[in-house]
Amino acid sequence: MKRCAKDFFTTNSVKAIVKPLALSGLILAAVTASAVAQKKYDKGVTDTEIKIGNIMPYSGPASAYGIIGKTMSAYMRMINDIGGVNGRKINFISYDDAYSPPKTVEQARKLVESDEVFLIFAPLGTASNAAIQKYMNTMKVPQLFVATGASRWGDPEHFPWTIGWQPNYRAEARIYATYILEHHPGARIGVLYQNDDFGKDYVLGLKDVLRDKYAKMVVSEISYEIAMPTVDSQVVAIKSANPDIFINIGTPKFAAQAIKKVAELNWHPIHIMTNVSASVGAVLKPAGLENSKGILSAGYQMDVTDPQWDSHPGMQKYRAFMAKYYPEADRSESGPLTAYNTSTALVEVLKRCGDNLTRESVMKVVANMDFEIDTYIPGIRIKTSPTDFYPIEQVQMMKFSGEKWELFGPIIDGHAE
């Protein structure tokens, strides 16, 4: 969004008889008043500060994602160290909701009503965000770049204050189903999925493509609850149906458990796993790198463990940031890069708002994005419109070698036909 040109007063606006010194003083005062008048702020913004809220599962069953919130905090420190955004420092307030929707509601209310943040940025979790979506839209506070790929975050007609970021789960599942039909059209499929909007979106995506073949090809479809300690029994039950392909739709803790159990059972299906659990450090290492060898997934950002990106300027800049601001983080985890990328986008949006830092202005900017981030796979583009609130809709298939993810095939668009 372009900043409006300043309307400067001219000498015609003061009496010609005023002494030169007094005249210059009046002109300076008029210019200052004009500049101030152009600034438009909502709650959470001043001439020196932008207050940003965030909600993360630093504890609970999805605590592996906590590193994302910690990296975001580090990123905002970096931005403040270089002068902030258009001269304003970012006051980043991040609360723990333990991946519990009731707690998410409590923290969102605290951020909006008590802390009076300008917006809530990248709150994580499908069920968690679903619990606050109506509240955020009623309050007309941006629920910006929601850290979950559920398809419900791209509904500007009904929820104009909510927008996602990553490729949506349903679109990702369509890509897996298309891959299966192309390469394994007669396969028997077993599906493990989390029993909430996150897992159900993947099932819907598979059905979008497989259609009437779904009932025949999927021989086992078993869900799990996030309160469960393990998914071992579910994996055993799926194996008993003897599928050729195992689709692992689990968040990091449960995805890692499933990988380990598949190995313990000496079972060797074609293993497809959701992108949200593709972190080498957070999922594949705990599950065992050898156990993870051959797993298929789909990606859109560079793999931090892949040496092919070592000389890439974007990756070098990211690693320099991590070395200075978050040196203790596990360098093999993908969560920090996820945080770095979305934080980069947030700062870009705030920059484009200029001095028109209203919540409405933010949503106008995010509804008209078209740019690239240099730590995504080349060719992946961030693009939105007032009727398309899915910033990233492209991915590329990838396979884990036992050490790193290896991309293959073309970049695929997973939007609905």
Protein backbone atom coordinates (compact mmCIF):
# COMPACT_ATOMS: atom_id res chain seq x y z
CA MET A 1 0.00 0.00 0.00
CA LYS A 2 1.50 3.34 -1.02
CA ARG A 3 1.90 6.02 1.57
CA CYS A 4 -0.03 9.20 0.87
CA ALA A 5 2.04 12.22 -0.22
CA LYS A 6 2.52 14.82 2.50
CA ASP A 7 0.49 18.03 2.07
CA PHE A 8 3.07 20.66 2.93
CA PHE A 9 2.03 24.20 3.77
CA THR A 10 3.51 26.90 1.62
CA THR A 11 4.46 30.41 2.51
CA ASN A 12 1.07 31.48 1.15
CA SER A 13 -0.51 29.95 4.23
CA VAL A 14 1.04 32.57 6.52
CA LYS A 15 1.00 36.29 6.38
CA ALA A 16 3.77 37.80 4.34
CA ILE A 17 4.43 40.40 7.03
CA VAL A 18 5.58 37.83 9.61
CA LYS A 19 9.25 38.14 10.44
CA PRO A 20 11.45 35.48 8.74
CA LEU A 21 12.24 33.65 11.99
CA ALA A 22 8.62 33.53 13.05
CA LEU A 23 7.63 32.54 9.53
CA SER A 24 9.99 29.54 9.52
CA GLY A 25 8.65 28.50 12.91
CA LEU A 26 5.08 28.59 11.68
CA ILE A 27 5.94 26.61 8.57
CA LEU A 28 7.71 23.95 10.65
CA ALA A 29 4.73 23.69 12.98
CA ALA A 30 2.35 23.40 10.04
CA VAL A 31 4.42 20.68 8.38
CA THR A 32 4.59 18.74 11.64
CA ALA A 33 0.85 19.03 12.18
CA SER A 34 0.23 17.85 8.63
CA ALA A 35 2.52 14.82 9.08
CA VAL A 36 0.81 13.88 12.34
CA ALA A 37 -2.60 14.24 10.74
CA GLN A 38 -1.68 11.71 8.07
CA LYS A 39 -0.94 8.96 10.56
CA LYS A 40 -3.78 6.57 11.25
CA TYR A 41 -3.48 4.14 14.15
CA ASP A 42 -5.62 1.51 15.81
CA LYS A 43 -5.08 0.08 19.27
CA GLY A 44 -1.64 -1.37 19.74
CA VAL A 45 0.16 1.21 17.62
CA THR A 46 1.95 4.43 18.56
CA ASP A 47 4.66 6.55 16.93
CA THR A 48 7.26 4.27 18.52
CA GLU A 49 5.64 0.83 18.95
CA ILE A 50 3.57 -1.87 17.28
CA LYS A 51 2.17 -4.40 19.73
CA ILE A 52 1.85 -7.89 18.20
CA GLY A 53 0.22 -10.86 19.95
CA ASN A 54 0.95 -14.55 19.45
CA ILE A 55 -0.31 -17.85 20.87
CA MET A 56 1.85 -21.00 20.85
CA PRO A 57 1.77 -24.49 22.42
CA TYR A 58 4.92 -24.14 24.50
CA SER A 59 3.62 -27.03 26.60
CA GLY A 60 1.23 -29.94 26.02
CA PRO A 61 1.03 -32.55 23.23
CA ALA A 62 2.22 -30.17 20.50
CA SER A 63 5.03 -28.54 22.47
CA ALA A 64 7.49 -29.46 19.69
CA TYR A 65 6.08 -26.41 17.91
CA GLY A 66 7.20 -24.12 20.74
CA ILE A 67 10.47 -23.50 18.94
CA ILE A 68 8.46 -21.60 16.32
CA GLY A 69 7.29 -19.02 18.86
CA LYS A 70 10.80 -18.72 20.31
CA THR A 71 12.21 -18.04 16.85
CA MET A 72 9.55 -15.41 16.19
CA SER A 73 10.57 -13.64 19.40
CA ALA A 74 14.20 -13.75 18.25
CA TYR A 75 13.22 -12.38 14.82
CA MET A 76 11.41 -9.43 16.37
CA ARG A 77 14.51 -8.68 18.47
CA MET A 78 16.52 -8.58 15.26
CA ILE A 79 14.03 -6.22 13.62
CA ASN A 80 14.12 -3.93 16.66
CA ASP A 81 17.91 -3.94 16.65
CA ILE A 82 17.93 -2.56 13.10
CA GLY A 83 15.43 0.17 13.91
CA GLY A 84 12.07 -1.57 13.84
CA VAL A 85 9.43 -1.20 11.12
CA ASN A 86 9.25 2.31 9.70
CA GLY A 87 10.83 3.53 12.94
CA ARG A 88 8.50 1.61 15.25
CA LYS A 89 9.76 -1.16 17.52
CA ILE A 90 7.76 -4.38 17.73
CA ASN A 91 6.48 -5.37 21.16
CA PHE A 92 5.97 -9.12 20.69
CA ILE A 93 3.76 -10.79 23.32
CA SER A 94 3.55 -14.58 23.07
CA TYR A 95 1.45 -16.78 25.37
CA ASP A 96 1.23 -20.52 25.91
CA ASP A 97 -2.09 -22.29 25.30
CA ALA A 98 -0.79 -25.87 25.73
CA TYR A 99 -2.61 -26.78 22.47
CA SER A 100 -5.88 -26.52 24.40
CA PRO A 101 -8.72 -24.58 22.66
CA PRO A 102 -10.27 -23.26 25.92
CA LYS A 103 -6.86 -21.91 26.89
CA THR A 104 -6.49 -20.38 23.42
CA VAL A 105 -9.73 -18.46 23.94
CA GLU A 106 -8.48 -17.21 27.30
CA GLN A 107 -5.16 -16.05 25.85
CA ALA A 108 -6.77 -14.40 22.81
CA ARG A 109 -9.09 -12.38 25.05
CA LYS A 110 -6.13 -11.37 27.20
CA LEU A 111 -4.14 -10.21 24.19
CA VAL A 112 -7.02 -8.28 22.62
CA GLU A 113 -8.79 -6.85 25.66
CA SER A 114 -6.03 -6.51 28.25
CA ASP A 115 -2.78 -6.15 26.29
CA GLU A 116 -4.64 -4.37 23.47
CA VAL A 117 -2.46 -5.80 20.72
CA PHE A 118 -2.75 -4.50 17.17
CA LEU A 119 -3.24 -8.02 15.79
CA ILE A 120 -2.65 -11.67 16.65
CA PHE A 121 0.05 -13.17 14.46
CA ALA A 122 0.52 -16.86 13.58
CA PRO A 123 -1.44 -18.49 16.43
CA LEU A 124 -0.77 -22.21 16.07
CA GLY A 125 -3.15 -25.16 15.88
CA THR A 126 -6.29 -25.98 13.93
CA ALA A 127 -8.68 -26.59 16.82
CA SER A 128 -7.10 -23.73 18.75
CA ASN A 129 -7.65 -21.22 15.96
CA ALA A 130 -11.14 -22.51 15.25
CA ALA A 131 -11.99 -21.73 18.87
CA ILE A 132 -11.09 -18.04 18.48
CA GLN A 133 -12.05 -17.40 14.84
CA LYS A 134 -15.53 -15.99 15.51
CA TYR A 135 -14.24 -13.91 18.42
CA MET A 136 -11.43 -12.38 16.34
CA ASN A 137 -13.83 -11.50 13.54
CA THR A 138 -16.42 -10.07 15.94
CA MET A 139 -13.72 -7.91 17.50
CA LYS A 140 -12.38 -7.04 14.01
CA VAL A 141 -8.82 -7.86 15.03
CA PRO A 142 -6.64 -9.56 12.38
CA GLN A 143 -6.03 -13.26 12.97
CA LEU A 144 -3.03 -13.10 10.71
CA PHE A 145 -1.14 -15.93 8.98
CA VAL A 146 -2.72 -18.65 11.10
CA ALA A 147 -0.14 -21.40 11.68
CA THR A 148 -2.24 -24.29 10.45
CA GLY A 149 -3.16 -25.37 6.95
CA ALA A 150 -6.84 -26.04 7.52
CA SER A 151 -8.92 -24.92 4.54
CA ARG A 152 -11.27 -22.89 6.75
CA TRP A 153 -8.75 -20.03 7.05
CA GLY A 154 -9.37 -18.97 3.45
CA ASP A 155 -12.97 -17.75 3.77
CA PRO A 156 -12.90 -13.94 3.42
CA GLU A 157 -16.64 -13.79 2.75
CA HIS A 158 -17.54 -15.10 6.22
CA PHE A 159 -14.31 -14.41 8.15
CA PRO A 160 -12.67 -11.33 6.62
CA TRP A 161 -10.29 -10.86 9.57
CA THR A 162 -8.76 -14.36 9.36
CA ILE A 163 -6.13 -15.51 6.86
CA GLY A 164 -3.89 -18.56 6.78
CA TRP A 165 -0.40 -18.91 5.36
CA GLN A 166 0.88 -22.37 4.48
CA PRO A 167 -0.59 -24.60 1.76
CA ASN A 168 -3.88 -25.89 3.11
CA TYR A 169 -4.12 -29.48 4.26
CA ARG A 170 -6.91 -30.39 1.90
CA ALA A 171 -4.88 -29.20 -1.11
CA GLU A 172 -1.82 -31.09 0.15
CA ALA A 173 -3.86 -34.28 0.45
CA ARG A 174 -5.12 -33.83 -3.11
CA ILE A 175 -1.51 -33.86 -4.29
CA TYR A 176 -0.83 -37.12 -2.42
CA ALA A 177 -3.97 -38.71 -3.87
CA THR A 178 -2.99 -37.59 -7.37
CA TYR A 179 0.47 -39.08 -6.85
CA ILE A 180 -1.07 -42.37 -5.71
CA LEU A 181 -3.38 -42.59 -8.71
CA GLU A 182 -0.51 -41.87 -11.10
CA HIS A 183 2.05 -44.23 -9.58
CA HIS A 184 0.06 -46.80 -7.55
CA PRO A 185 -3.46 -46.88 -9.03
CA GLY A 186 -4.32 -50.30 -7.65
CA ALA A 187 -2.88 -49.81 -4.17
CA ARG A 188 -4.60 -50.52 -0.86
CA ILE A 189 -4.38 -47.55 1.49
CA GLY A 190 -4.32 -47.24 5.28
CA VAL A 191 -4.91 -43.83 6.86
CA LEU A 192 -4.00 -42.64 10.35
CA TYR A 193 -5.39 -39.18 11.14
CA GLN A 194 -5.85 -36.81 14.05
CA ASN A 195 -9.53 -36.58 14.97
CA ASP A 196 -10.04 -32.84 14.47
CA ASP A 197 -10.24 -30.35 11.60
CA PHE A 198 -6.53 -30.87 10.91
CA GLY A 199 -6.87 -34.59 10.24
CA LYS A 200 -10.31 -34.43 8.66
CA ASP A 201 -9.13 -31.89 6.08
CA TYR A 202 -6.63 -34.43 4.76
CA VAL A 203 -9.31 -37.12 4.51
CA LEU A 204 -11.52 -34.70 2.56
CA GLY A 205 -8.61 -33.92 0.21
CA LEU A 206 -8.04 -37.61 -0.48
CA LYS A 207 -11.74 -38.02 -1.22
CA ASP A 208 -11.68 -35.00 -3.56
CA VAL A 209 -9.35 -36.88 -5.89
CA LEU A 210 -10.08 -40.56 -5.26
CA ARG A 211 -13.85 -39.94 -5.34
CA ASP A 212 -15.73 -43.23 -5.71
CA LYS A 213 -12.43 -45.13 -5.57
CA TYR A 214 -11.89 -44.01 -1.97
CA ALA A 215 -14.11 -46.66 -0.42
CA LYS A 216 -12.38 -49.40 -2.41
CA MET A 217 -8.78 -48.23 -2.09
CA VAL A 218 -8.83 -47.17 1.59
CA VAL A 219 -8.96 -50.45 3.51
CA SER A 220 -8.31 -48.91 6.93
CA GLU A 221 -9.05 -45.42 8.24
CA ILE A 222 -8.34 -44.92 11.94
CA SER A 223 -8.29 -41.72 13.96
CA TYR A 224 -6.62 -40.81 17.25
CA GLU A 225 -7.29 -38.17 19.90
CA ILE A 226 -4.57 -35.71 20.89
CA ALA A 227 -5.08 -36.67 24.55
CA MET A 228 -3.90 -40.22 23.80
CA PRO A 229 -0.37 -41.07 24.97
CA THR A 230 0.54 -43.03 21.83
CA VAL A 231 -0.82 -44.18 18.47
CA ASP A 232 0.85 -47.59 18.60
CA SER A 233 -2.40 -49.53 18.73
CA GLN A 234 -3.81 -47.58 15.80
CA VAL A 235 -0.76 -48.37 13.67
CA VAL A 236 -1.02 -52.06 14.55
CA ALA A 237 -4.69 -52.07 13.59
CA ILE A 238 -3.97 -50.37 10.26
CA LYS A 239 -1.20 -52.86 9.45
CA SER A 240 -3.60 -55.74 10.08
CA ALA A 241 -5.64 -54.60 7.08
CA ASN A 242 -2.52 -55.15 4.95
CA PRO A 243 -2.41 -51.84 3.02
CA ASP A 244 0.33 -51.09 0.49
CA ILE A 245 0.38 -47.39 1.35
CA PHE A 246 0.35 -45.86 4.84
CA ILE A 247 -0.73 -42.20 5.07
CA ASN A 248 0.50 -40.70 8.33
CA ILE A 249 -1.56 -37.60 9.20
CA GLY A 250 -0.14 -36.80 12.61
CA THR A 251 1.35 -33.82 14.39
CA PRO A 252 5.06 -34.24 15.31
CA LYS A 253 4.76 -36.30 18.48
CA PHE A 254 2.32 -38.79 16.97
CA ALA A 255 3.93 -38.84 13.53
CA ALA A 256 7.24 -39.84 15.14
CA GLN A 257 5.52 -42.56 17.17
CA ALA A 258 3.92 -43.94 14.01
CA ILE A 259 7.25 -44.05 12.17
CA LYS A 260 8.87 -45.94 15.05
CA LYS A 261 5.98 -48.39 15.33
CA VAL A 262 6.01 -49.12 11.59
CA ALA A 263 9.71 -50.00 11.93
CA GLU A 264 9.14 -52.15 15.04
CA LEU A 265 6.49 -54.12 13.15
CA ASN A 266 8.99 -54.69 10.32
CA TRP A 267 6.34 -53.27 8.03
CA HIS A 268 7.48 -51.63 4.79
CA PRO A 269 4.56 -49.81 3.15
CA ILE A 270 4.89 -46.78 0.91
CA HIS A 271 4.82 -44.21 3.70
CA ILE A 272 3.34 -40.74 3.02
CA MET A 273 3.49 -38.18 5.83
CA THR A 274 1.99 -34.73 6.30
CA ASN A 275 4.30 -31.77 5.74
CA VAL A 276 3.66 -30.40 9.25
CA SER A 277 5.74 -33.27 10.60
CA ALA A 278 8.55 -33.13 8.06
CA SER A 279 11.09 -31.62 10.47
CA VAL A 280 14.25 -33.72 10.53
CA GLY A 281 15.17 -32.54 14.01
CA ALA A 282 11.74 -32.59 15.66
CA VAL A 283 10.29 -35.74 14.09
CA LEU A 284 12.62 -37.88 11.99
CA LYS A 285 15.58 -37.91 14.37
CA PRO A 286 13.44 -38.94 17.37
CA ALA A 287 11.76 -41.59 15.21
CA GLY A 288 15.13 -42.78 13.89
CA LEU A 289 16.67 -41.57 10.64
CA GLU A 290 16.99 -45.11 9.32
CA ASN A 291 13.34 -45.78 10.23
CA SER A 292 12.37 -42.63 8.32
CA LYS A 293 14.23 -43.49 5.13
CA GLY A 294 11.97 -43.49 2.08
CA ILE A 295 9.10 -41.48 3.60
CA LEU A 296 7.31 -39.24 1.11
CA SER A 297 5.92 -35.79 1.82
CA ALA A 298 5.50 -32.45 0.08
CA GLY A 299 7.40 -29.25 0.78
CA TYR A 300 7.42 -25.57 -0.03
CA GLN A 301 10.30 -24.20 2.02
CA MET A 302 13.97 -25.08 1.81
CA ASP A 303 15.14 -28.01 3.90
CA VAL A 304 17.57 -26.68 6.50
CA THR A 305 19.49 -29.98 6.43
CA ASP A 306 19.96 -30.04 2.65
CA PRO A 307 23.45 -28.89 1.56
CA GLN A 308 22.14 -27.87 -1.86
CA TRP A 309 20.91 -24.63 -0.26
CA ASP A 310 24.16 -23.84 1.61
CA SER A 311 25.32 -21.24 -0.88
CA HIS A 312 21.89 -19.73 -1.44
CA PRO A 313 21.82 -16.08 -0.23
CA GLY A 314 18.47 -16.55 1.54
CA MET A 315 19.72 -19.56 3.51
CA GLN A 316 22.97 -17.81 4.39
CA LYS A 317 21.03 -14.83 5.73
CA TYR A 318 18.77 -17.15 7.75
CA ARG A 319 21.72 -19.00 9.27
CA ALA A 320 23.42 -15.75 10.19
CA PHE A 321 20.23 -14.66 11.96
CA MET A 322 20.02 -17.97 13.87
CA ALA A 323 23.69 -17.85 14.85
CA LYS A 324 23.26 -14.40 16.37
CA TYR A 325 19.74 -14.46 17.81
CA TYR A 326 18.94 -18.11 18.57
CA PRO A 327 22.25 -20.03 18.62
CA GLU A 328 21.00 -22.71 21.01
CA ALA A 329 18.30 -23.96 18.61
CA ASP A 330 18.68 -27.36 16.95
CA ARG A 331 19.95 -26.53 13.44
CA SER A 332 18.19 -29.59 11.99
CA GLU A 333 14.71 -28.44 12.99
CA SER A 334 12.51 -26.88 10.32
CA GLY A 335 10.31 -24.97 12.78
CA PRO A 336 12.70 -22.00 13.09
CA LEU A 337 12.76 -21.50 9.32
CA THR A 338 8.95 -21.64 9.28
CA ALA A 339 8.91 -18.89 11.91
CA TYR A 340 11.54 -16.86 10.04
CA ASN A 341 9.53 -16.99 6.82
CA THR A 342 6.17 -15.99 8.31
CA SER A 343 7.84 -13.26 10.37
CA THR A 344 9.45 -11.94 7.19
CA ALA A 345 5.98 -11.75 5.65
CA LEU A 346 4.54 -9.96 8.69
CA VAL A 347 7.24 -7.30 8.58
CA GLU A 348 6.70 -6.86 4.84
CA VAL A 349 2.98 -6.28 5.45
CA LEU A 350 3.64 -3.75 8.22
CA LYS A 351 6.14 -1.91 6.03
CA ARG A 352 3.57 -1.65 3.24
CA CYS A 353 1.05 -0.15 5.65
CA GLY A 354 3.39 2.80 6.22
CA ASP A 355 1.81 5.21 8.70
CA ASN A 356 -1.68 3.88 8.00
CA LEU A 357 -1.46 1.28 10.73
CA THR A 358 -5.09 0.39 11.10
CA ARG A 359 -6.41 -3.15 11.26
CA GLU A 360 -8.43 -2.53 8.13
CA SER A 361 -5.31 -1.38 6.31
CA VAL A 362 -3.49 -4.57 7.31
CA MET A 363 -6.24 -6.74 5.86
CA LYS A 364 -6.25 -4.74 2.61
CA VAL A 365 -2.51 -5.33 2.26
CA VAL A 366 -2.70 -9.07 2.98
CA ALA A 367 -5.56 -9.40 0.48
CA ASN A 368 -3.28 -8.10 -2.27
CA MET A 369 0.06 -9.84 -1.76
CA ASP A 370 2.31 -10.94 -4.60
CA PHE A 371 5.95 -11.58 -3.70
CA GLU A 372 8.53 -14.28 -3.02
CA ILE A 373 10.53 -15.13 0.09
CA ASP A 374 14.07 -16.26 -0.61
CA THR A 375 14.04 -19.25 1.75
CA TYR A 376 11.16 -20.98 -0.02
CA ILE A 377 11.76 -23.44 -2.83
CA PRO A 378 12.42 -21.33 -5.95
CA GLY A 379 9.17 -20.88 -7.83
CA ILE A 380 6.95 -20.85 -4.74
CA ARG A 381 5.10 -17.53 -4.68
CA ILE A 382 3.02 -15.76 -2.03
CA LYS A 383 -0.08 -14.49 -3.78
CA THR A 384 -3.54 -13.45 -2.59
CA SER A 385 -6.56 -11.50 -3.76
CA PRO A 386 -9.65 -10.16 -1.97
CA THR A 387 -11.37 -13.47 -2.82
CA ASP A 388 -8.34 -15.78 -2.38
CA PHE A 389 -7.00 -15.94 1.17
CA TYR A 390 -4.61 -18.84 0.52
CA PRO A 391 -1.15 -17.20 0.31
CA ILE A 392 0.75 -20.39 -0.66
CA GLU A 393 -0.90 -23.03 -2.83
CA GLN A 394 2.13 -24.74 -4.38
CA VAL A 395 4.26 -27.63 -3.13
CA GLN A 396 6.78 -30.10 -4.49
CA MET A 397 6.93 -33.79 -3.67
CA MET A 398 9.96 -34.95 -1.69
CA LYS A 399 11.50 -38.15 -0.33
CA PHE A 400 13.64 -38.62 2.78
CA SER A 401 17.00 -40.18 1.95
CA GLY A 402 17.89 -41.11 5.52
CA GLU A 403 19.79 -37.84 5.89
CA LYS A 404 17.78 -35.15 4.14
CA TRP A 405 14.69 -34.48 2.05
CA GLU A 406 15.20 -34.77 -1.70
CA LEU A 407 12.77 -32.89 -3.94
CA PHE A 408 11.45 -34.53 -7.08
CA GLY A 409 8.94 -33.82 -9.81
CA PRO A 410 7.44 -30.44 -10.70
CA ILE A 411 6.02 -27.76 -8.43
CA ILE A 412 2.35 -28.64 -8.12
CA ASP A 413 -0.63 -26.40 -7.45
CA GLY A 414 -3.09 -28.11 -5.12
CA HIS A 415 -6.06 -25.80 -5.57
CA ALA A 416 -9.46 -27.36 -6.12
CA GLU A 417 -10.49 -28.06 -9.68
